[in-house]
PDB file of N, CA and C in Angstrom:
ATOM      1  N   MET A   1     -28.357  96.434  10.928  1.00  0.00           N
ATOM      2  CA  MET A   1     -28.695  97.730  10.273  1.00  0.00           C
ATOM      3  C   MET A   1     -27.361  98.016   9.551  1.00  0.00           C
ATOM      4  N   PRO A   2     -27.591  98.373   8.240  1.00  0.00           N
ATOM      5  CA  PRO A   2     -26.373  98.817   7.287  1.00  0.00           C
ATOM      6  C   PRO A   2     -25.633 100.048   8.047  1.00  0.00           C
ATOM      7  N   PRO A   3     -24.365 100.114   7.955  1.00  0.00           N
ATOM      8  CA  PRO A   3     -23.473 101.139   8.429  1.00  0.00           C
ATOM      9  C   PRO A   3     -23.670 102.427   8.051  1.00  0.00           C
ATOM     10  N   TRP A   4     -24.276 102.702   6.922  1.00  0.00           N
ATOM     11  CA  TRP A   4     -24.652 104.013   6.456  1.00  0.00           C
ATOM     12  C   TRP A   4     -25.892 104.508   7.070  1.00  0.00           C
ATOM     13  N   ARG A   5     -26.710 103.710   7.622  1.00  0.00           N
ATOM     14  CA  ARG A   5     -27.922 104.119   8.324  1.00  0.00           C
ATOM     15  C   ARG A   5     -27.805 104.406   9.604  1.00  0.00           C
ATOM     16  N   LEU A   6     -26.551 104.558  10.221  1.00  0.00           N
ATOM     17  CA  LEU A   6     -26.427 104.753  11.625  1.00  0.00           C
ATOM     18  C   LEU A   6     -26.697 106.245  11.933  1.00  0.00           C
ATOM     19  N   SER A   7     -27.107 106.641  13.178  1.00  0.00           N
ATOM     20  CA  SER A   7     -27.322 107.875  13.555  1.00  0.00           C
ATOM     21  C   SER A   7     -26.126 108.736  13.515  1.00  0.00           C
ATOM     22  N   ARG A   8     -26.183 109.906  12.876  1.00  0.00           N
ATOM     23  CA  ARG A   8     -25.226 110.817  13.010  1.00  0.00           C
ATOM     24  C   ARG A   8     -24.954 111.594  14.173  1.00  0.00           C
ATOM     25  N   GLY A   9     -25.987 111.383  15.074  1.00  0.00           N
ATOM     26  CA  GLY A   9     -26.050 112.119  16.415  1.00  0.00           C
ATOM     27  C   GLY A   9     -25.158 111.480  17.617  1.00  0.00           C
ATOM     28  N   ARG A  10     -24.716 110.339  17.338  1.00  0.00           N
ATOM     29  CA  ARG A  10     -23.903 109.727  18.333  1.00  0.00           C
ATOM     30  C   ARG A  10     -22.525 110.554  18.746  1.00  0.00           C
ATOM     31  N   ASN A  11     -22.284 110.506  19.886  1.00  0.00           N
ATOM     32  CA  ASN A  11     -20.948 111.093  20.332  1.00  0.00           C
ATOM     33  C   ASN A  11     -19.877 110.236  19.820  1.00  0.00           C
ATOM     34  N   ILE A  12     -18.844 110.847  19.260  1.00  0.00           N
ATOM     35  CA  ILE A  12     -17.630 110.112  18.855  1.00  0.00           C
ATOM     36  C   ILE A  12     -17.063 109.444  20.088  1.00  0.00           C
ATOM     37  N   GLY A  13     -16.977 109.906  21.267  1.00  0.00           N
ATOM     38  CA  GLY A  13     -16.379 109.410  22.430  1.00  0.00           C
ATOM     39  C   GLY A  13     -17.336 108.689  23.244  1.00  0.00           C
ATOM     40  N   ALA A  14     -18.395 108.023  22.685  1.00  0.00           N
ATOM     41  CA  ALA A  14     -19.484 107.413  23.535  1.00  0.00           C
ATOM     42  C   ALA A  14     -18.925 106.509  24.471  1.00  0.00           C
ATOM     43  N   ALA A  15     -18.014 105.506  24.078  1.00  0.00           N
ATOM     44  CA  ALA A  15     -17.586 104.393  24.959  1.00  0.00           C
ATOM     45  C   ALA A  15     -16.627 104.918  26.056  1.00  0.00           C
ATOM     46  N   MET A  16     -15.775 105.828  25.620  1.00  0.00           N
ATOM     47  CA  MET A  16     -14.646 106.350  26.323  1.00  0.00           C
ATOM     48  C   MET A  16     -14.202 107.655  25.658  1.00  0.00           C
ATOM     49  N   LYS A  17     -13.752 108.626  26.355  1.00  0.00           N
ATOM     50  CA  LYS A  17     -13.303 109.841  25.844  1.00  0.00           C
ATOM     51  C   LYS A  17     -11.986 109.519  25.080  1.00  0.00           C
ATOM     52  N   LEU A  18     -11.903 110.323  23.874  1.00  0.00           N
ATOM     53  CA  LEU A  18     -10.773 110.179  23.007  1.00  0.00           C
ATOM     54  C   LEU A  18      -9.444 110.594  23.805  1.00  0.00           C
ATOM     55  N   ASN A  19      -9.598 111.758  24.450  1.00  0.00           N
ATOM     56  CA  ASN A  19      -8.360 112.127  25.111  1.00  0.00           C
ATOM     57  C   ASN A  19      -7.922 111.134  26.321  1.00  0.00           C
ATOM     58  N   GLU A  20      -8.712 110.235  26.702  1.00  0.00           N
ATOM     59  CA  GLU A  20      -8.289 109.196  27.652  1.00  0.00           C
ATOM     60  C   GLU A  20      -7.390 108.020  27.176  1.00  0.00           C
ATOM     61  N   LEU A  21      -7.331 108.027  25.735  1.00  0.00           N
ATOM     62  CA  LEU A  21      -6.584 106.905  25.219  1.00  0.00           C
ATOM     63  C   LEU A  21      -5.066 107.204  25.569  1.00  0.00           C
ATOM     64  N   ASN A  22      -4.416 106.109  25.714  1.00  0.00           N
ATOM     65  CA  ASN A  22      -2.902 106.233  25.737  1.00  0.00           C
ATOM     66  C   ASN A  22      -2.318 106.693  24.395  1.00  0.00           C
ATOM     67  N   PRO A  23      -1.002 107.267  24.254  1.00  0.00           N
ATOM     68  CA  PRO A  23      -0.545 107.550  22.892  1.00  0.00           C
ATOM     69  C   PRO A  23      -0.643 106.525  21.892  1.00  0.00           C
ATOM     70  N   GLU A  24      -0.319 105.422  22.280  1.00  0.00           N
ATOM     71  CA  GLU A  24      -0.099 104.256  21.364  1.00  0.00           C
ATOM     72  C   GLU A  24      -1.629 103.982  20.723  1.00  0.00           C
ATOM     73  N   ASP A  25      -2.672 103.988  21.696  1.00  0.00           N
ATOM     74  CA  ASP A  25      -3.997 103.758  21.219  1.00  0.00           C
ATOM     75  C   ASP A  25      -4.525 104.974  20.287  1.00  0.00           C
ATOM     76  N   ARG A  26      -4.142 106.075  20.710  1.00  0.00           N
ATOM     77  CA  ARG A  26      -4.650 107.342  19.875  1.00  0.00           C
ATOM     78  C   ARG A  26      -3.943 107.037  18.600  1.00  0.00           C
ATOM     79  N   HIS A  27      -2.745 106.869  18.475  1.00  0.00           N
ATOM     80  CA  HIS A  27      -2.181 106.635  17.127  1.00  0.00           C
ATOM     81  C   HIS A  27      -2.787 105.539  16.256  1.00  0.00           C
ATOM     82  N   ARG A  28      -3.030 104.527  17.031  1.00  0.00           N
ATOM     83  CA  ARG A  28      -3.845 103.242  16.354  1.00  0.00           C
ATOM     84  C   ARG A  28      -5.115 103.723  15.844  1.00  0.00           C
ATOM     85  N   LEU A  29      -5.815 104.451  16.611  1.00  0.00           N
ATOM     86  CA  LEU A  29      -7.248 104.842  16.320  1.00  0.00           C
ATOM     87  C   LEU A  29      -7.193 105.732  15.065  1.00  0.00           C
ATOM     88  N   LEU A  30      -6.184 106.740  15.002  1.00  0.00           N
ATOM     89  CA  LEU A  30      -6.140 107.664  13.974  1.00  0.00           C
ATOM     90  C   LEU A  30      -5.674 107.088  12.642  1.00  0.00           C
ATOM     91  N   ARG A  31      -4.788 105.999  12.687  1.00  0.00           N
ATOM     92  CA  ARG A  31      -4.323 105.194  11.572  1.00  0.00           C
ATOM     93  C   ARG A  31      -5.761 104.481  11.015  1.00  0.00           C
ATOM     94  N   PHE A  32      -6.601 103.967  11.903  1.00  0.00           N
ATOM     95  CA  PHE A  32      -7.732 103.299  11.248  1.00  0.00           C
ATOM     96  C   PHE A  32      -8.638 104.269  10.691  1.00  0.00           C
ATOM     97  N   VAL A  33      -8.850 105.379  11.382  1.00  0.00           N
ATOM     98  CA  VAL A  33      -9.618 106.449  10.814  1.00  0.00           C
ATOM     99  C   VAL A  33      -9.199 107.074   9.442  1.00  0.00           C
ATOM    100  N   CYS A  34      -7.931 107.339   9.360  1.00  0.00           N
ATOM    101  CA  CYS A  34      -7.404 107.712   8.151  1.00  0.00           C
ATOM    102  C   CYS A  34      -7.426 106.684   6.998  1.00  0.00           C
ATOM    103  N   SER A  35      -7.284 105.427   7.378  1.00  0.00           N
ATOM    104  CA  SER A  35      -7.329 104.445   6.285  1.00  0.00           C
ATOM    105  C   SER A  35      -8.832 104.292   5.870  1.00  0.00           C
ATOM    106  N   PHE A  36      -9.820 104.474   6.667  1.00  0.00           N
ATOM    107  CA  PHE A  36     -11.206 104.465   6.196  1.00  0.00           C
ATOM    108  C   PHE A  36     -11.542 105.655   5.421  1.00  0.00           C
ATOM    109  N   ALA A  37     -10.890 106.720   5.687  1.00  0.00           N
ATOM    110  CA  ALA A  37     -11.114 108.016   4.819  1.00  0.00           C
ATOM    111  C   ALA A  37     -10.681 107.736   3.324  1.00  0.00           C
ATOM    112  N   TRP A  38      -9.599 106.878   3.257  1.00  0.00           N
ATOM    113  CA  TRP A  38      -9.076 106.506   1.919  1.00  0.00           C
ATOM    114  C   TRP A  38      -9.601 105.424   1.337  1.00  0.00           C
ATOM    115  N   ALA A  39     -10.724 104.801   2.031  1.00  0.00           N
ATOM    116  CA  ALA A  39     -11.329 103.518   1.415  1.00  0.00           C
ATOM    117  C   ALA A  39     -11.923 103.780   0.057  1.00  0.00           C
ATOM    118  N   ASP A  40     -12.321 104.972  -0.248  1.00  0.00           N
ATOM    119  CA  ASP A  40     -12.914 105.243  -1.402  1.00  0.00           C
ATOM    120  C   ASP A  40     -12.045 106.028  -2.482  1.00  0.00           C
ATOM    121  N   LEU A  41     -10.733 105.931  -2.077  1.00  0.00           N
ATOM    122  CA  LEU A  41      -9.666 106.492  -2.879  1.00  0.00           C
ATOM    123  C   LEU A  41      -9.594 108.082  -3.013  1.00  0.00           C
ATOM    124  N   GLU A  42     -10.565 108.598  -2.174  1.00  0.00           N
ATOM    125  CA  GLU A  42     -10.667 110.086  -2.229  1.00  0.00           C
ATOM    126  C   GLU A  42     -10.907 110.654  -0.821  1.00  0.00           C
ATOM    127  N   VAL A  43     -10.190 111.678  -0.406  1.00  0.00           N
ATOM    128  CA  VAL A  43     -10.293 112.265   0.897  1.00  0.00           C
ATOM    129  C   VAL A  43     -10.851 113.659   0.576  1.00  0.00           C
ATOM    130  N   VAL A  44     -12.135 114.050   1.159  1.00  0.00           N
ATOM    131  CA  VAL A  44     -12.734 115.334   0.827  1.00  0.00           C
ATOM    132  C   VAL A  44     -12.594 116.144   2.040  1.00  0.00           C
ATOM    133  N   ASP A  45     -13.026 117.405   1.830  1.00  0.00           N
ATOM    134  CA  ASP A  45     -12.911 118.438   2.868  1.00  0.00           C
ATOM    135  C   ASP A  45     -13.594 117.987   4.250  1.00  0.00           C
ATOM    136  N   SER A  46     -14.769 117.444   4.050  1.00  0.00           N
ATOM    137  CA  SER A  46     -15.427 117.105   5.406  1.00  0.00           C
ATOM    138  C   SER A  46     -14.759 115.869   6.068  1.00  0.00           C
ATOM    139  N   GLU A  47     -14.000 115.178   5.475  1.00  0.00           N
ATOM    140  CA  GLU A  47     -13.328 114.147   6.157  1.00  0.00           C
ATOM    141  C   GLU A  47     -11.932 114.665   6.718  1.00  0.00           C
ATOM    142  N   ARG A  48     -11.526 115.692   6.020  1.00  0.00           N
ATOM    143  CA  ARG A  48     -10.377 116.418   6.620  1.00  0.00           C
ATOM    144  C   ARG A  48     -10.693 117.161   7.846  1.00  0.00           C
ATOM    145  N   GLU A  49     -11.861 117.876   7.946  1.00  0.00           N
ATOM    146  CA  GLU A  49     -12.348 118.554   8.954  1.00  0.00           C
ATOM    147  C   GLU A  49     -12.703 117.530  10.041  1.00  0.00           C
ATOM    148  N   MET A  50     -13.202 116.469   9.930  1.00  0.00           N
ATOM    149  CA  MET A  50     -13.408 115.436  10.894  1.00  0.00           C
ATOM    150  C   MET A  50     -12.073 115.177  11.603  1.00  0.00           C
ATOM    151  N   LEU A  51     -11.048 114.898  10.814  1.00  0.00           N
ATOM    152  CA  LEU A  51      -9.780 114.585  11.425  1.00  0.00           C
ATOM    153  C   LEU A  51      -9.144 115.676  12.023  1.00  0.00           C
ATOM    154  N   ARG A  52      -9.404 117.009  11.600  1.00  0.00           N
ATOM    155  CA  ARG A  52      -8.846 118.074  12.401  1.00  0.00           C
ATOM    156  C   ARG A  52      -9.573 118.102  13.750  1.00  0.00           C
ATOM    157  N   ARG A  53     -10.815 117.866  13.896  1.00  0.00           N
ATOM    158  CA  ARG A  53     -11.636 117.784  15.080  1.00  0.00           C
ATOM    159  C   ARG A  53     -10.983 116.713  16.080  1.00  0.00           C
ATOM    160  N   LEU A  54     -10.791 115.475  15.403  1.00  0.00           N
ATOM    161  CA  LEU A  54     -10.332 114.371  16.219  1.00  0.00           C
ATOM    162  C   LEU A  54      -8.862 114.834  16.976  1.00  0.00           C
ATOM    163  N   ILE A  55      -8.012 115.387  16.078  1.00  0.00           N
ATOM    164  CA  ILE A  55      -6.712 115.775  16.645  1.00  0.00           C
ATOM    165  C   ILE A  55      -6.920 116.893  17.627  1.00  0.00           C
ATOM    166  N   SER A  56      -7.840 117.849  17.446  1.00  0.00           N
ATOM    167  CA  SER A  56      -8.047 118.743  18.517  1.00  0.00           C
ATOM    168  C   SER A  56      -8.618 118.067  19.805  1.00  0.00           C
ATOM    169  N   GLN A  57      -9.644 117.205  19.706  1.00  0.00           N
ATOM    170  CA  GLN A  57     -10.184 116.477  20.883  1.00  0.00           C
ATOM    171  C   GLN A  57      -9.186 115.725  21.566  1.00  0.00           C
ATOM    172  N   MET A  58      -8.188 115.092  20.964  1.00  0.00           N
ATOM    173  CA  MET A  58      -7.165 114.159  21.495  1.00  0.00           C
ATOM    174  C   MET A  58      -6.078 115.054  22.002  1.00  0.00           C
ATOM    175  N   ASP A  59      -5.965 116.408  21.831  1.00  0.00           N
ATOM    176  CA  ASP A  59      -4.900 117.228  22.312  1.00  0.00           C
ATOM    177  C   ASP A  59      -3.450 116.614  21.995  1.00  0.00           C
ATOM    178  N   LEU A  60      -3.443 116.337  20.602  1.00  0.00           N
ATOM    179  CA  LEU A  60      -2.111 115.868  20.295  1.00  0.00           C
ATOM    180  C   LEU A  60      -0.923 116.827  20.267  1.00  0.00           C
ATOM    181  N   GLU A  61       0.242 116.345  20.597  1.00  0.00           N
ATOM    182  CA  GLU A  61       1.559 117.213  20.421  1.00  0.00           C
ATOM    183  C   GLU A  61       1.611 117.596  18.998  1.00  0.00           C
ATOM    184  N   ALA A  62       2.399 118.541  18.611  1.00  0.00           N
ATOM    185  CA  ALA A  62       2.474 119.241  17.403  1.00  0.00           C
ATOM    186  C   ALA A  62       3.042 118.262  16.393  1.00  0.00           C
ATOM    187  N   GLU A  63       4.016 117.411  16.715  1.00  0.00           N
ATOM    188  CA  GLU A  63       4.667 116.425  15.986  1.00  0.00           C
ATOM    189  C   GLU A  63       3.850 115.311  15.543  1.00  0.00           C
ATOM    190  N   GLU A  64       3.037 114.891  16.666  1.00  0.00           N
ATOM    191  CA  GLU A  64       1.997 113.792  16.339  1.00  0.00           C
ATOM    192  C   GLU A  64       0.869 114.288  15.400  1.00  0.00           C
ATOM    193  N   ALA A  65       0.474 115.444  15.767  1.00  0.00           N
ATOM    194  CA  ALA A  65      -0.700 115.950  14.845  1.00  0.00           C
ATOM    195  C   ALA A  65      -0.186 116.228  13.390  1.00  0.00           C
ATOM    196  N   GLU A  66       1.103 116.583  13.128  1.00  0.00           N
ATOM    197  CA  GLU A  66       1.707 116.654  11.958  1.00  0.00           C
ATOM    198  C   GLU A  66       1.652 115.300  11.195  1.00  0.00           C
ATOM    199  N   GLU A  67       2.141 114.272  11.846  1.00  0.00           N
ATOM    200  CA  GLU A  67       2.165 112.988  11.248  1.00  0.00           C
ATOM    201  C   GLU A  67       0.860 112.400  10.872  1.00  0.00           C
ATOM    202  N   VAL A  68      -0.108 112.662  11.769  1.00  0.00           N
ATOM    203  CA  VAL A  68      -1.448 112.141  11.444  1.00  0.00           C
ATOM    204  C   VAL A  68      -1.981 113.021  10.284  1.00  0.00           C
ATOM    205  N   SER A  69      -1.834 114.227  10.193  1.00  0.00           N
ATOM    206  CA  SER A  69      -2.417 115.060   9.030  1.00  0.00           C
ATOM    207  C   SER A  69      -1.737 114.570   7.791  1.00  0.00           C
ATOM    208  N   GLY A  70      -0.560 114.177   7.853  1.00  0.00           N
ATOM    209  CA  GLY A  70       0.048 113.446   6.621  1.00  0.00           C
ATOM    210  C   GLY A  70      -0.656 112.278   6.082  1.00  0.00           C
ATOM    211  N   TRP A  71      -1.342 111.540   6.879  1.00  0.00           N
ATOM    212  CA  TRP A  71      -2.047 110.546   6.510  1.00  0.00           C
ATOM    213  C   TRP A  71      -3.219 110.858   5.498  1.00  0.00           C
ATOM    214  N   ILE A  72      -3.507 112.113   5.529  1.00  0.00           N
ATOM    215  CA  ILE A  72      -4.702 112.608   4.775  1.00  0.00           C
ATOM    216  C   ILE A  72      -4.104 112.767   3.342  1.00  0.00           C
ATOM    217  N   SER A  73      -2.838 113.107   3.250  1.00  0.00           N
ATOM    218  CA  SER A  73      -2.237 113.252   1.998  1.00  0.00           C
ATOM    219  C   SER A  73      -1.917 111.919   1.233  1.00  0.00           C
ATOM    220  N   HIS A  74      -1.458 111.095   2.253  1.00  0.00           N
ATOM    221  CA  HIS A  74      -0.883 109.714   1.820  1.00  0.00           C
ATOM    222  C   HIS A  74      -1.507 108.789   2.911  1.00  0.00           C
ATOM    223  N   PRO A  75      -2.140 107.715   2.555  1.00  0.00           N
ATOM    224  CA  PRO A  75      -2.705 106.774   3.550  1.00  0.00           C
ATOM    225  C   PRO A  75      -1.703 106.104   4.313  1.00  0.00           C
ATOM    226  N   PRO A  76      -1.966 105.787   5.489  1.00  0.00           N
ATOM    227  CA  PRO A  76      -0.994 104.993   6.401  1.00  0.00           C
ATOM    228  C   PRO A  76      -0.779 103.656   5.807  1.00  0.00           C
ATOM    229  N   ASP A  77       0.439 103.115   6.256  1.00  0.00           N
ATOM    230  CA  ASP A  77       0.990 101.861   5.660  1.00  0.00           C
ATOM    231  C   ASP A  77      -0.182 100.773   5.989  1.00  0.00           C
ATOM    232  N   PRO A  78      -0.767 100.041   5.198  1.00  0.00           N
ATOM    233  CA  PRO A  78      -1.699  99.024   5.568  1.00  0.00           C
ATOM    234  C   PRO A  78      -1.181  97.883   6.556  1.00  0.00           C
ATOM    235  N   ALA A  79       0.078  97.744   6.521  1.00  0.00           N
ATOM    236  CA  ALA A  79       0.682  96.734   7.461  1.00  0.00           C
ATOM    237  C   ALA A  79       0.761  97.186   8.864  1.00  0.00           C
ATOM    238  N   SER A  80       0.403  98.618   9.030  1.00  0.00           N
ATOM    239  CA  SER A  80       0.378  99.073  10.393  1.00  0.00           C
ATOM    240  C   SER A  80      -1.072  99.060  10.856  1.00  0.00           C
ATOM    241  N   ILE A  81      -2.059  98.507  10.243  1.00  0.00           N
ATOM    242  CA  ILE A  81      -3.339  98.461  10.648  1.00  0.00           C
ATOM    243  C   ILE A  81      -3.811  97.087  10.804  1.00  0.00           C
ATOM    244  N   ASP A  82      -3.936  96.685  11.939  1.00  0.00           N
ATOM    245  CA  ASP A  82      -4.362  95.369  12.465  1.00  0.00           C
ATOM    246  C   ASP A  82      -5.410  95.310  13.308  1.00  0.00           C
ATOM    247  N   PRO A  83      -6.629  95.006  13.163  1.00  0.00           N
ATOM    248  CA  PRO A  83      -7.745  95.005  14.004  1.00  0.00           C
ATOM    249  C   PRO A  83      -7.531  94.222  15.224  1.00  0.00           C
ATOM    250  N   GLN A  84      -6.623  93.211  15.167  1.00  0.00           N
ATOM    251  CA  GLN A  84      -6.448  92.345  16.295  1.00  0.00           C
ATOM    252  C   GLN A  84      -5.552  93.163  17.365  1.00  0.00           C
ATOM    253  N   ASP A  85      -4.849  94.209  16.884  1.00  0.00           N
ATOM    254  CA  ASP A  85      -4.235  95.159  17.847  1.00  0.00           C
ATOM    255  C   ASP A  85      -5.046  96.090  18.663  1.00  0.00           C
ATOM    256  N   ILE A  86      -6.332  96.084  18.326  1.00  0.00           N
ATOM    257  CA  ILE A  86      -7.134  97.023  19.054  1.00  0.00           C
ATOM    258  C   ILE A  86      -7.499  96.409  20.331  1.00  0.00           C
ATOM    259  N   PRO A  87      -7.337  97.061  21.557  1.00  0.00           N
ATOM    260  CA  PRO A  87      -7.679  96.606  22.902  1.00  0.00           C
ATOM    261  C   PRO A  87      -9.132  96.320  22.951  1.00  0.00           C
ATOM    262  N   LEU A  88      -9.418  95.234  23.530  1.00  0.00           N
ATOM    263  CA  LEU A  88     -10.846  94.965  23.803  1.00  0.00           C
ATOM    264  C   LEU A  88     -11.721  96.074  24.306  1.00  0.00           C
ATOM    265  N   GLU A  89     -11.103  96.852  25.210  1.00  0.00           N
ATOM    266  CA  GLU A  89     -12.003  97.890  25.900  1.00  0.00           C
ATOM    267  C   GLU A  89     -12.160  99.136  24.987  1.00  0.00           C
ATOM    268  N   HIS A  90     -11.355  99.142  23.952  1.00  0.00           N
ATOM    269  CA  HIS A  90     -11.516 100.247  22.927  1.00  0.00           C
ATOM    270  C   HIS A  90     -12.287  99.982  21.724  1.00  0.00           C
ATOM    271  N   ARG A  91     -12.699  98.694  21.492  1.00  0.00           N
ATOM    272  CA  ARG A  91     -13.149  98.434  20.166  1.00  0.00           C
ATOM    273  C   ARG A  91     -14.494  99.117  19.803  1.00  0.00           C
ATOM    274  N   GLU A  92     -15.426  99.456  20.848  1.00  0.00           N
ATOM    275  CA  GLU A  92     -16.509 100.239  20.544  1.00  0.00           C
ATOM    276  C   GLU A  92     -16.249 101.654  20.092  1.00  0.00           C
ATOM    277  N   LEU A  93     -15.313 102.160  20.760  1.00  0.00           N
ATOM    278  CA  LEU A  93     -14.828 103.510  20.499  1.00  0.00           C
ATOM    279  C   LEU A  93     -14.301 103.600  19.009  1.00  0.00           C
ATOM    280  N   PHE A  94     -13.313 102.694  18.653  1.00  0.00           N
ATOM    281  CA  PHE A  94     -12.853 102.513  17.311  1.00  0.00           C
ATOM    282  C   PHE A  94     -14.035 102.440  16.310  1.00  0.00           C
ATOM    283  N   LEU A  95     -14.855 101.508  16.499  1.00  0.00           N
ATOM    284  CA  LEU A  95     -15.872 101.221  15.529  1.00  0.00           C
ATOM    285  C   LEU A  95     -16.724 102.585  15.472  1.00  0.00           C
ATOM    286  N   ASP A  96     -17.154 103.276  16.486  1.00  0.00           N
ATOM    287  CA  ASP A  96     -17.895 104.544  16.450  1.00  0.00           C
ATOM    288  C   ASP A  96     -17.252 105.646  15.684  1.00  0.00           C
ATOM    289  N   THR A  97     -15.888 105.684  15.940  1.00  0.00           N
ATOM    290  CA  THR A  97     -15.082 106.803  15.210  1.00  0.00           C
ATOM    291  C   THR A  97     -14.934 106.532  13.843  1.00  0.00           C
ATOM    292  N   VAL A  98     -14.608 105.214  13.531  1.00  0.00           N
ATOM    293  CA  VAL A  98     -14.667 104.957  11.968  1.00  0.00           C
ATOM    294  C   VAL A  98     -16.003 105.111  11.359  1.00  0.00           C
ATOM    295  N   LYS A  99     -16.992 104.805  12.023  1.00  0.00           N
ATOM    296  CA  LYS A  99     -18.360 105.101  11.330  1.00  0.00           C
ATOM    297  C   LYS A  99     -18.460 106.632  11.072  1.00  0.00           C
ATOM    298  N   LYS A 100     -18.145 107.362  11.983  1.00  0.00           N
ATOM    299  CA  LYS A 100     -18.271 108.872  11.758  1.00  0.00           C
ATOM    300  C   LYS A 100     -17.500 109.379  10.693  1.00  0.00           C
ATOM    301  N   MET A 101     -16.262 108.774  10.376  1.00  0.00           N
ATOM    302  CA  MET A 101     -15.475 109.128   9.237  1.00  0.00           C
ATOM    303  C   MET A 101     -16.122 108.644   8.099  1.00  0.00           C
ATOM    304  N   ILE A 102     -16.796 107.555   7.992  1.00  0.00           N
ATOM    305  CA  ILE A 102     -17.346 106.975   6.872  1.00  0.00           C
ATOM    306  C   ILE A 102     -18.550 107.958   6.469  1.00  0.00           C
ATOM    307  N   LEU A 103     -19.325 108.349   7.461  1.00  0.00           N
ATOM    308  CA  LEU A 103     -20.542 109.177   7.377  1.00  0.00           C
ATOM    309  C   LEU A 103     -20.025 110.797   7.045  1.00  0.00           C
ATOM    310  N   ALA A 104     -18.780 111.108   7.284  1.00  0.00           N
ATOM    311  CA  ALA A 104     -18.407 112.620   7.327  1.00  0.00           C
ATOM    312  C   ALA A 104     -18.775 113.122   5.856  1.00  0.00           C
ATOM    313  N   ASP A 105     -18.552 112.421   4.774  1.00  0.00           N
ATOM    314  CA  ASP A 105     -18.687 113.081   3.498  1.00  0.00           C
ATOM    315  C   ASP A 105     -20.123 112.865   2.945  1.00  0.00           C
ATOM    316  N   GLY A 106     -21.041 112.310   3.770  1.00  0.00           N
ATOM    317  CA  GLY A 106     -22.510 112.155   3.214  1.00  0.00           C
ATOM    318  C   GLY A 106     -22.668 111.096   2.249  1.00  0.00           C
ATOM    319  N   HIS A 107     -21.608 110.432   1.956  1.00  0.00           N
ATOM    320  CA  HIS A 107     -21.676 109.377   0.926  1.00  0.00           C
ATOM    321  C   HIS A 107     -20.974 108.168   1.432  1.00  0.00           C
ATOM    322  N   VAL A 108     -21.670 106.989   1.501  1.00  0.00           N
ATOM    323  CA  VAL A 108     -20.873 105.780   1.761  1.00  0.00           C
ATOM    324  C   VAL A 108     -20.713 104.938   0.582  1.00  0.00           C
ATOM    325  N   ALA A 109     -19.415 104.780   0.236  1.00  0.00           N
ATOM    326  CA  ALA A 109     -19.044 103.903  -0.984  1.00  0.00           C
ATOM    327  C   ALA A 109     -19.159 102.500  -0.578  1.00  0.00           C
ATOM    328  N   ASP A 110     -19.340 101.626  -1.554  1.00  0.00           N
ATOM    329  CA  ASP A 110     -19.409 100.264  -1.371  1.00  0.00           C
ATOM    330  C   ASP A 110     -18.126  99.804  -0.555  1.00  0.00           C
ATOM    331  N   GLY A 111     -16.885 100.078  -0.895  1.00  0.00           N
ATOM    332  CA  GLY A 111     -15.763  99.648  -0.276  1.00  0.00           C
ATOM    333  C   GLY A 111     -15.740 100.095   1.256  1.00  0.00           C
ATOM    334  N   GLU A 112     -16.255 101.359   1.470  1.00  0.00           N
ATOM    335  CA  GLU A 112     -16.225 101.743   2.901  1.00  0.00           C
ATOM    336  C   GLU A 112     -17.123 100.897   3.711  1.00  0.00           C
ATOM    337  N   ALA A 113     -18.351 100.600   3.137  1.00  0.00           N
ATOM    338  CA  ALA A 113     -19.292  99.716   3.813  1.00  0.00           C
ATOM    339  C   ALA A 113     -18.779  98.441   4.029  1.00  0.00           C
ATOM    340  N   GLU A 114     -18.218  97.829   3.010  1.00  0.00           N
ATOM    341  CA  GLU A 114     -17.537  96.502   3.236  1.00  0.00           C
ATOM    342  C   GLU A 114     -16.452  96.502   4.206  1.00  0.00           C
ATOM    343  N   ASN A 115     -15.541  97.377   4.224  1.00  0.00           N
ATOM    344  CA  ASN A 115     -14.390  97.496   5.136  1.00  0.00           C
ATOM    345  C   ASN A 115     -15.027  97.612   6.585  1.00  0.00           C
ATOM    346  N   LEU A 116     -15.986  98.310   6.740  1.00  0.00           N
ATOM    347  CA  LEU A 116     -16.458  98.529   8.018  1.00  0.00           C
ATOM    348  C   LEU A 116     -17.140  97.170   8.523  1.00  0.00           C
ATOM    349  N   LEU A 117     -17.875  96.547   7.631  1.00  0.00           N
ATOM    350  CA  LEU A 117     -18.401  95.206   8.117  1.00  0.00           C
ATOM    351  C   LEU A 117     -17.378  94.262   8.320  1.00  0.00           C
ATOM    352  N   LEU A 118     -16.289  94.240   7.749  1.00  0.00           N
ATOM    353  CA  LEU A 118     -15.211  93.274   7.890  1.00  0.00           C
ATOM    354  C   LEU A 118     -14.551  93.738   9.312  1.00  0.00           C
ATOM    355  N   LEU A 119     -14.370  94.887   9.563  1.00  0.00           N
ATOM    356  CA  LEU A 119     -13.669  95.339  10.754  1.00  0.00           C
ATOM    357  C   LEU A 119     -14.650  94.898  11.906  1.00  0.00           C
ATOM    358  N   LYS A 120     -15.842  95.226  11.812  1.00  0.00           N
ATOM    359  CA  LYS A 120     -16.842  94.684  12.890  1.00  0.00           C
ATOM    360  C   LYS A 120     -16.850  93.281  13.125  1.00  0.00           C
ATOM    361  N   MET A 121     -16.796  92.357  12.060  1.00  0.00           N
ATOM    362  CA  MET A 121     -16.758  91.078  12.152  1.00  0.00           C
ATOM    363  C   MET A 121     -15.423  90.637  12.847  1.00  0.00           C
ATOM    364  N   MET A 122     -14.313  91.285  12.574  1.00  0.00           N
ATOM    365  CA  MET A 122     -13.049  90.933  13.102  1.00  0.00           C
ATOM    366  C   MET A 122     -12.997  91.309  14.601  1.00  0.00           C
ATOM    367  N   LEU A 123     -13.655  92.303  14.992  1.00  0.00           N
ATOM    368  CA  LEU A 123     -13.553  92.743  16.350  1.00  0.00           C
ATOM    369  C   LEU A 123     -14.662  92.015  17.346  1.00  0.00           C
ATOM    370  N   ASN A 124     -15.458  91.245  16.653  1.00  0.00           N
ATOM    371  CA  ASN A 124     -16.488  90.468  17.551  1.00  0.00           C
ATOM    372  C   ASN A 124     -15.923  89.041  17.801  1.00  0.00           C
TER     373      ASN A 124
END
């Protein structure tokens, strides 16, 4: 099934609750989510809102939330994003959350779809 045909009704934390991730994995997940928000070279209000909801659900410290919010102004360093660093037990959660970000603006750009498929292949 193409990634843009996924149900919007799925819970972001289906595999595991976001607030149960350790700080390193929360940070890693948010870098991935922000990088996917930038895949079409434009971050829109609905994507910003989704990031705000994620920050709230993860109950981040103020300094951590500020750093993550900065990734919406400037994308995270691509060198800091390696799918092989995603722990096996969190891969479904990462994929589900990235899919939600891709769907957040109601439009799936070709680059977003391609990046999602690449991520999925790398995680399998």
